[in-house]
Amino acid sequence: MPFADSPTHVPAPPPEDPEADPRTRGREADPHDWARQIVLRQLTAAPRSRAQLEQALRKRNCPDALAAAVLDRMEEVGLVDDTAYAGMVVRSQQARRGLARRALAQELHRKGVDDETAQAALDDVDPLDEEDRARALVANRMRSMSGLDPVVQIRRLAGMLARKGYPAELSMRIVRDAVREAPEHQRD
């Protein structure tokens, strides 16, 4: 096995550089294939929205017309689907981070999902499930807040729910109920 310093060792080129690929060296690389490979690598790493893929191609100085053609083809074969992507983001962010509709809408906007597609994904969010998630988040956080003044608990819990996108009236109702029902605040 040759050492890294030996003259026979040639490091592998980075996969993003089609000119460094020995199979295409000396030949004109097909721009369409080059753009397609960038998109496929992006999708292999993680699901992406069309806007995220456009941005990745733009970073690589891919012409807009070529990017549009490649992404249109990827949509035709089902590899790029913003509707499915938005639904996946909503489900995973609800489960993993406990985000509410408002925070989910911001997340989808940040990822480049158009408003109509985002709204369709957010329409699947059940308000009762959202309330149950808020209650579970508050109950979980209450375990680490014993001994604190009830006003401090309310402020911290309401702040946590606000950062996760829950409406103020829902947050305050759930937080006040949780603090009032906490064993440490019960009168003997």
C-alpha atoms as a PDB file:
ATOM      1  CA  MET A   1       0.000   0.000   0.000  1.00  0.00           C
ATOM      2  CA  PRO A   2       1.620   3.300  -1.026  1.00  0.00           C
ATOM      3  CA  PHE A   3       2.049   6.072   1.492  1.00  0.00           C
ATOM      4  CA  ALA A   4       0.402   9.446   1.064  1.00  0.00           C
ATOM      5  CA  ASP A   5       3.826  11.041   0.401  1.00  0.00           C
ATOM      6  CA  SER A   6       4.896   8.516  -2.216  1.00  0.00           C
ATOM      7  CA  PRO A   7       4.850   9.612  -5.863  1.00  0.00           C
ATOM      8  CA  THR A   8       2.595   6.692  -6.826  1.00  0.00           C
ATOM      9  CA  HIS A   9      -0.229   7.835  -4.576  1.00  0.00           C
ATOM     10  CA  VAL A  10      -2.697  10.068  -6.408  1.00  0.00           C
ATOM     11  CA  PRO A  11      -5.531  11.380  -4.235  1.00  0.00           C
ATOM     12  CA  ALA A  12      -9.012  10.981  -5.629  1.00  0.00           C
ATOM     13  CA  PRO A  13     -10.426  14.216  -7.018  1.00  0.00           C
ATOM     14  CA  PRO A  14     -13.460  15.699  -5.351  1.00  0.00           C
ATOM     15  CA  PRO A  15     -16.608  14.219  -6.878  1.00  0.00           C
ATOM     16  CA  GLU A  16     -18.055  17.660  -7.723  1.00  0.00           C
ATOM     17  CA  ASP A  17     -15.398  18.389 -10.352  1.00  0.00           C
ATOM     18  CA  PRO A  18     -16.324  16.651 -13.635  1.00  0.00           C
ATOM     19  CA  GLU A  19     -13.114  17.888 -15.265  1.00  0.00           C
ATOM     20  CA  ALA A  20     -11.052  15.972 -12.703  1.00  0.00           C
ATOM     21  CA  ASP A  21     -12.932  12.723 -13.346  1.00  0.00           C
ATOM     22  CA  PRO A  22     -10.592  10.405 -15.312  1.00  0.00           C
ATOM     23  CA  ARG A  23     -13.539   9.145 -17.398  1.00  0.00           C
ATOM     24  CA  THR A  24     -14.232  12.645 -18.754  1.00  0.00           C
ATOM     25  CA  ARG A  25     -10.718  14.134 -18.725  1.00  0.00           C
ATOM     26  CA  GLY A  26      -9.776  15.392 -22.153  1.00  0.00           C
ATOM     27  CA  ARG A  27     -13.363  15.302 -23.380  1.00  0.00           C
ATOM     28  CA  GLU A  28     -15.944  18.025 -23.282  1.00  0.00           C
ATOM     29  CA  ALA A  29     -18.226  17.358 -20.312  1.00  0.00           C
ATOM     30  CA  ASP A  30     -21.943  17.343 -21.093  1.00  0.00           C
ATOM     31  CA  PRO A  31     -23.397  20.343 -19.220  1.00  0.00           C
ATOM     32  CA  HIS A  32     -26.774  18.640 -18.876  1.00  0.00           C
ATOM     33  CA  ASP A  33     -25.188  15.554 -17.339  1.00  0.00           C
ATOM     34  CA  TRP A  34     -23.009  17.720 -15.091  1.00  0.00           C
ATOM     35  CA  ALA A  35     -26.083  19.593 -13.750  1.00  0.00           C
ATOM     36  CA  ARG A  36     -27.994  16.331 -13.360  1.00  0.00           C
ATOM     37  CA  GLN A  37     -25.144  14.867 -11.306  1.00  0.00           C
ATOM     38  CA  ILE A  38     -25.155  17.893  -8.997  1.00  0.00           C
ATOM     39  CA  VAL A  39     -28.888  17.494  -8.407  1.00  0.00           C
ATOM     40  CA  LEU A  40     -28.596  13.753  -7.813  1.00  0.00           C
ATOM     41  CA  ARG A  41     -25.788  14.270  -5.278  1.00  0.00           C
ATOM     42  CA  GLN A  42     -27.892  16.860  -3.467  1.00  0.00           C
ATOM     43  CA  LEU A  43     -30.874  14.511  -3.348  1.00  0.00           C
ATOM     44  CA  THR A  44     -28.707  11.636  -2.165  1.00  0.00           C
ATOM     45  CA  ALA A  45     -27.584  13.682   0.831  1.00  0.00           C
ATOM     46  CA  ALA A  46     -31.110  14.706   1.880  1.00  0.00           C
ATOM     47  CA  PRO A  47     -34.504  15.531   0.401  1.00  0.00           C
ATOM     48  CA  ARG A  48     -34.564  19.044  -1.057  1.00  0.00           C
ATOM     49  CA  SER A  49     -37.064  21.481  -2.477  1.00  0.00           C
ATOM     50  CA  ARG A  50     -36.811  22.664  -6.057  1.00  0.00           C
ATOM     51  CA  ALA A  51     -35.682  26.093  -4.794  1.00  0.00           C
ATOM     52  CA  GLN A  52     -32.852  24.522  -2.783  1.00  0.00           C
ATOM     53  CA  LEU A  53     -31.715  22.570  -5.838  1.00  0.00           C
ATOM     54  CA  GLU A  54     -31.883  25.715  -8.002  1.00  0.00           C
ATOM     55  CA  GLN A  55     -29.706  27.464  -5.434  1.00  0.00           C
ATOM     56  CA  ALA A  56     -27.176  24.608  -5.456  1.00  0.00           C
ATOM     57  CA  LEU A  57     -26.980  24.772  -9.246  1.00  0.00           C
ATOM     58  CA  ARG A  58     -26.668  28.568  -9.173  1.00  0.00           C
ATOM     59  CA  LYS A  59     -23.737  28.269  -6.737  1.00  0.00           C
ATOM     60  CA  ARG A  60     -22.038  26.052  -9.325  1.00  0.00           C
ATOM     61  CA  ASN A  61     -22.632  28.687 -12.033  1.00  0.00           C
ATOM     62  CA  CYS A  62     -25.114  26.549 -13.895  1.00  0.00           C
ATOM     63  CA  PRO A  63     -27.110  28.574 -16.459  1.00  0.00           C
ATOM     64  CA  ASP A  64     -30.719  29.137 -15.374  1.00  0.00           C
ATOM     65  CA  ALA A  65     -32.158  27.602 -18.538  1.00  0.00           C
ATOM     66  CA  LEU A  66     -30.123  24.429 -18.046  1.00  0.00           C
ATOM     67  CA  ALA A  67     -31.065  24.256 -14.361  1.00  0.00           C
ATOM     68  CA  ALA A  68     -34.743  24.628 -15.231  1.00  0.00           C
ATOM     69  CA  ALA A  69     -34.535  21.877 -17.865  1.00  0.00           C
ATOM     70  CA  VAL A  70     -32.794  19.454 -15.501  1.00  0.00           C
ATOM     71  CA  LEU A  71     -35.162  20.197 -12.620  1.00  0.00           C
ATOM     72  CA  ASP A  72     -38.215  19.921 -14.877  1.00  0.00           C
ATOM     73  CA  ARG A  73     -37.044  16.455 -15.905  1.00  0.00           C
ATOM     74  CA  MET A  74     -36.413  15.509 -12.269  1.00  0.00           C
ATOM     75  CA  GLU A  75     -39.987  16.569 -11.460  1.00  0.00           C
ATOM     76  CA  GLU A  76     -41.314  14.493 -14.385  1.00  0.00           C
ATOM     77  CA  VAL A  77     -39.678  11.337 -13.029  1.00  0.00           C
ATOM     78  CA  GLY A  78     -40.705  12.111  -9.440  1.00  0.00           C
ATOM     79  CA  LEU A  79     -37.298  12.833  -7.930  1.00  0.00           C
ATOM     80  CA  VAL A  80     -38.216  16.452  -7.168  1.00  0.00           C
ATOM     81  CA  ASP A  81     -41.667  16.918  -5.632  1.00  0.00           C
ATOM     82  CA  ASP A  82     -42.224  20.014  -3.509  1.00  0.00           C
ATOM     83  CA  THR A  83     -45.645  18.793  -2.343  1.00  0.00           C
ATOM     84  CA  ALA A  84     -44.214  15.565  -0.944  1.00  0.00           C
ATOM     85  CA  TYR A  85     -41.204  17.456   0.408  1.00  0.00           C
ATOM     86  CA  ALA A  86     -43.422  19.972   2.244  1.00  0.00           C
ATOM     87  CA  GLY A  87     -45.473  17.164   3.783  1.00  0.00           C
ATOM     88  CA  MET A  88     -42.317  15.401   4.914  1.00  0.00           C
ATOM     89  CA  VAL A  89     -40.909  18.590   6.475  1.00  0.00           C
ATOM     90  CA  VAL A  90     -44.164  19.265   8.328  1.00  0.00           C
ATOM     91  CA  ARG A  91     -44.395  15.728   9.716  1.00  0.00           C
ATOM     92  CA  SER A  92     -40.744  15.477  10.718  1.00  0.00           C
ATOM     93  CA  GLN A  93     -40.501  18.935  12.294  1.00  0.00           C
ATOM     94  CA  GLN A  94     -43.693  18.350  14.261  1.00  0.00           C
ATOM     95  CA  ALA A  95     -42.444  15.035  15.575  1.00  0.00           C
ATOM     96  CA  ARG A  96     -38.803  15.975  16.150  1.00  0.00           C
ATOM     97  CA  ARG A  97     -39.014  19.582  17.314  1.00  0.00           C
ATOM     98  CA  GLY A  98     -42.683  19.989  18.238  1.00  0.00           C
ATOM     99  CA  LEU A  99     -43.164  22.952  15.901  1.00  0.00           C
ATOM    100  CA  ALA A 100     -46.589  24.547  15.433  1.00  0.00           C
ATOM    101  CA  ARG A 101     -48.146  25.788  12.185  1.00  0.00           C
ATOM    102  CA  ARG A 102     -46.598  29.271  12.289  1.00  0.00           C
ATOM    103  CA  ALA A 103     -43.057  27.948  12.798  1.00  0.00           C
ATOM    104  CA  LEU A 104     -43.644  25.242  10.189  1.00  0.00           C
ATOM    105  CA  ALA A 105     -44.755  27.892   7.682  1.00  0.00           C
ATOM    106  CA  GLN A 106     -41.552  29.841   8.346  1.00  0.00           C
ATOM    107  CA  GLU A 107     -39.472  26.678   7.941  1.00  0.00           C
ATOM    108  CA  LEU A 108     -41.112  25.857   4.612  1.00  0.00           C
ATOM    109  CA  HIS A 109     -40.637  29.432   3.400  1.00  0.00           C
ATOM    110  CA  ARG A 110     -36.962  29.293   4.409  1.00  0.00           C
ATOM    111  CA  LYS A 111     -36.553  26.089   2.403  1.00  0.00           C
ATOM    112  CA  GLY A 112     -38.046  27.727  -0.687  1.00  0.00           C
ATOM    113  CA  VAL A 113     -41.433  26.007  -0.778  1.00  0.00           C
ATOM    114  CA  ASP A 114     -44.037  28.245  -2.432  1.00  0.00           C
ATOM    115  CA  ASP A 115     -46.913  29.581  -0.330  1.00  0.00           C
ATOM    116  CA  GLU A 116     -49.638  27.504  -1.998  1.00  0.00           C
ATOM    117  CA  THR A 117     -47.747  24.223  -1.536  1.00  0.00           C
ATOM    118  CA  ALA A 118     -46.845  25.155   2.046  1.00  0.00           C
ATOM    119  CA  GLN A 119     -50.461  25.996   2.857  1.00  0.00           C
ATOM    120  CA  ALA A 120     -51.620  22.649   1.463  1.00  0.00           C
ATOM    121  CA  ALA A 121     -49.131  20.831   3.720  1.00  0.00           C
ATOM    122  CA  LEU A 122     -50.095  22.948   6.727  1.00  0.00           C
ATOM    123  CA  ASP A 123     -53.797  22.242   6.175  1.00  0.00           C
ATOM    124  CA  ASP A 124     -53.052  18.640   7.185  1.00  0.00           C
ATOM    125  CA  VAL A 125     -52.002  19.780  10.677  1.00  0.00           C
ATOM    126  CA  ASP A 126     -54.751  18.855  13.126  1.00  0.00           C
ATOM    127  CA  PRO A 127     -55.377  21.602  15.726  1.00  0.00           C
ATOM    128  CA  LEU A 128     -56.095  18.976  18.406  1.00  0.00           C
ATOM    129  CA  ASP A 129     -52.785  17.224  17.693  1.00  0.00           C
ATOM    130  CA  GLU A 130     -51.055  20.593  17.858  1.00  0.00           C
ATOM    131  CA  GLU A 131     -52.580  21.273  21.270  1.00  0.00           C
ATOM    132  CA  ASP A 132     -51.578  17.803  22.497  1.00  0.00           C
ATOM    133  CA  ARG A 133     -48.018  18.445  21.303  1.00  0.00           C
ATOM    134  CA  ALA A 134     -47.937  21.744  23.195  1.00  0.00           C
ATOM    135  CA  ARG A 135     -49.161  20.030  26.359  1.00  0.00           C
ATOM    136  CA  ALA A 136     -46.499  17.326  26.010  1.00  0.00           C
ATOM    137  CA  LEU A 137     -43.760  19.945  25.514  1.00  0.00           C
ATOM    138  CA  VAL A 138     -44.901  21.840  28.611  1.00  0.00           C
ATOM    139  CA  ALA A 139     -45.153  18.664  30.709  1.00  0.00           C
ATOM    140  CA  ASN A 140     -41.669  17.627  29.648  1.00  0.00           C
ATOM    141  CA  ARG A 141     -40.170  21.036  30.462  1.00  0.00           C
ATOM    142  CA  MET A 142     -42.029  21.271  33.793  1.00  0.00           C
ATOM    143  CA  ARG A 143     -39.986  18.339  35.104  1.00  0.00           C
ATOM    144  CA  SER A 144     -36.843  20.452  35.047  1.00  0.00           C
ATOM    145  CA  MET A 145     -38.469  23.561  36.527  1.00  0.00           C
ATOM    146  CA  SER A 146     -39.455  22.389  39.991  1.00  0.00           C
ATOM    147  CA  GLY A 147     -38.655  24.838  42.732  1.00  0.00           C
ATOM    148  CA  LEU A 148     -38.989  27.891  40.514  1.00  0.00           C
ATOM    149  CA  ASP A 149     -41.501  30.614  41.207  1.00  0.00           C
ATOM    150  CA  PRO A 150     -44.757  30.061  39.268  1.00  0.00           C
ATOM    151  CA  VAL A 151     -44.353  33.416  37.474  1.00  0.00           C
ATOM    152  CA  VAL A 152     -40.899  32.347  36.242  1.00  0.00           C
ATOM    153  CA  GLN A 153     -42.267  28.987  35.122  1.00  0.00           C
ATOM    154  CA  ILE A 154     -45.088  30.657  33.205  1.00  0.00           C
ATOM    155  CA  ARG A 155     -42.715  33.095  31.507  1.00  0.00           C
ATOM    156  CA  ARG A 156     -40.241  30.404  30.479  1.00  0.00           C
ATOM    157  CA  LEU A 157     -42.861  27.934  29.282  1.00  0.00           C
ATOM    158  CA  ALA A 158     -44.753  30.589  27.311  1.00  0.00           C
ATOM    159  CA  GLY A 159     -41.484  31.699  25.719  1.00  0.00           C
ATOM    160  CA  MET A 160     -40.642  28.133  24.714  1.00  0.00           C
ATOM    161  CA  LEU A 161     -44.030  27.646  23.058  1.00  0.00           C
ATOM    162  CA  ALA A 162     -43.821  31.040  21.332  1.00  0.00           C
ATOM    163  CA  ARG A 163     -40.444  30.111  19.818  1.00  0.00           C
ATOM    164  CA  LYS A 164     -42.020  26.920  18.502  1.00  0.00           C
ATOM    165  CA  GLY A 165     -44.787  28.915  16.819  1.00  0.00           C
ATOM    166  CA  TYR A 166     -47.758  28.223  19.081  1.00  0.00           C
ATOM    167  CA  PRO A 167     -50.458  30.911  19.277  1.00  0.00           C
ATOM    168  CA  ALA A 168     -50.320  33.076  22.415  1.00  0.00           C
ATOM    169  CA  GLU A 169     -53.838  32.272  23.651  1.00  0.00           C
ATOM    170  CA  LEU A 170     -53.272  28.519  23.340  1.00  0.00           C
ATOM    171  CA  SER A 171     -49.845  28.789  24.959  1.00  0.00           C
ATOM    172  CA  MET A 172     -51.045  30.790  27.944  1.00  0.00           C
ATOM    173  CA  ARG A 173     -54.028  28.502  28.556  1.00  0.00           C
ATOM    174  CA  ILE A 174     -51.859  25.372  28.501  1.00  0.00           C
ATOM    175  CA  VAL A 175     -49.055  26.911  30.560  1.00  0.00           C
ATOM    176  CA  ARG A 176     -51.359  28.300  33.251  1.00  0.00           C
ATOM    177  CA  ASP A 177     -53.141  24.939  33.545  1.00  0.00           C
ATOM    178  CA  ALA A 178     -49.844  23.068  33.833  1.00  0.00           C
ATOM    179  CA  VAL A 179     -48.403  25.407  36.466  1.00  0.00           C
ATOM    180  CA  ARG A 180     -51.664  25.440  38.455  1.00  0.00           C
ATOM    181  CA  GLU A 181     -51.835  21.619  38.401  1.00  0.00           C
ATOM    182  CA  ALA A 182     -48.166  21.109  39.321  1.00  0.00           C
ATOM    183  CA  PRO A 183     -47.900  19.186  42.615  1.00  0.00           C
ATOM    184  CA  GLU A 184     -45.514  21.766  44.057  1.00  0.00           C
ATOM    185  CA  HIS A 185     -48.134  24.511  43.680  1.00  0.00           C
ATOM    186  CA  GLN A 186     -51.010  22.553  45.203  1.00  0.00           C
ATOM    187  CA  ARG A 187     -52.300  23.655  48.572  1.00  0.00           C
ATOM    188  CA  ASP A 188     -52.295  20.980  51.239  1.00  0.00           C
END
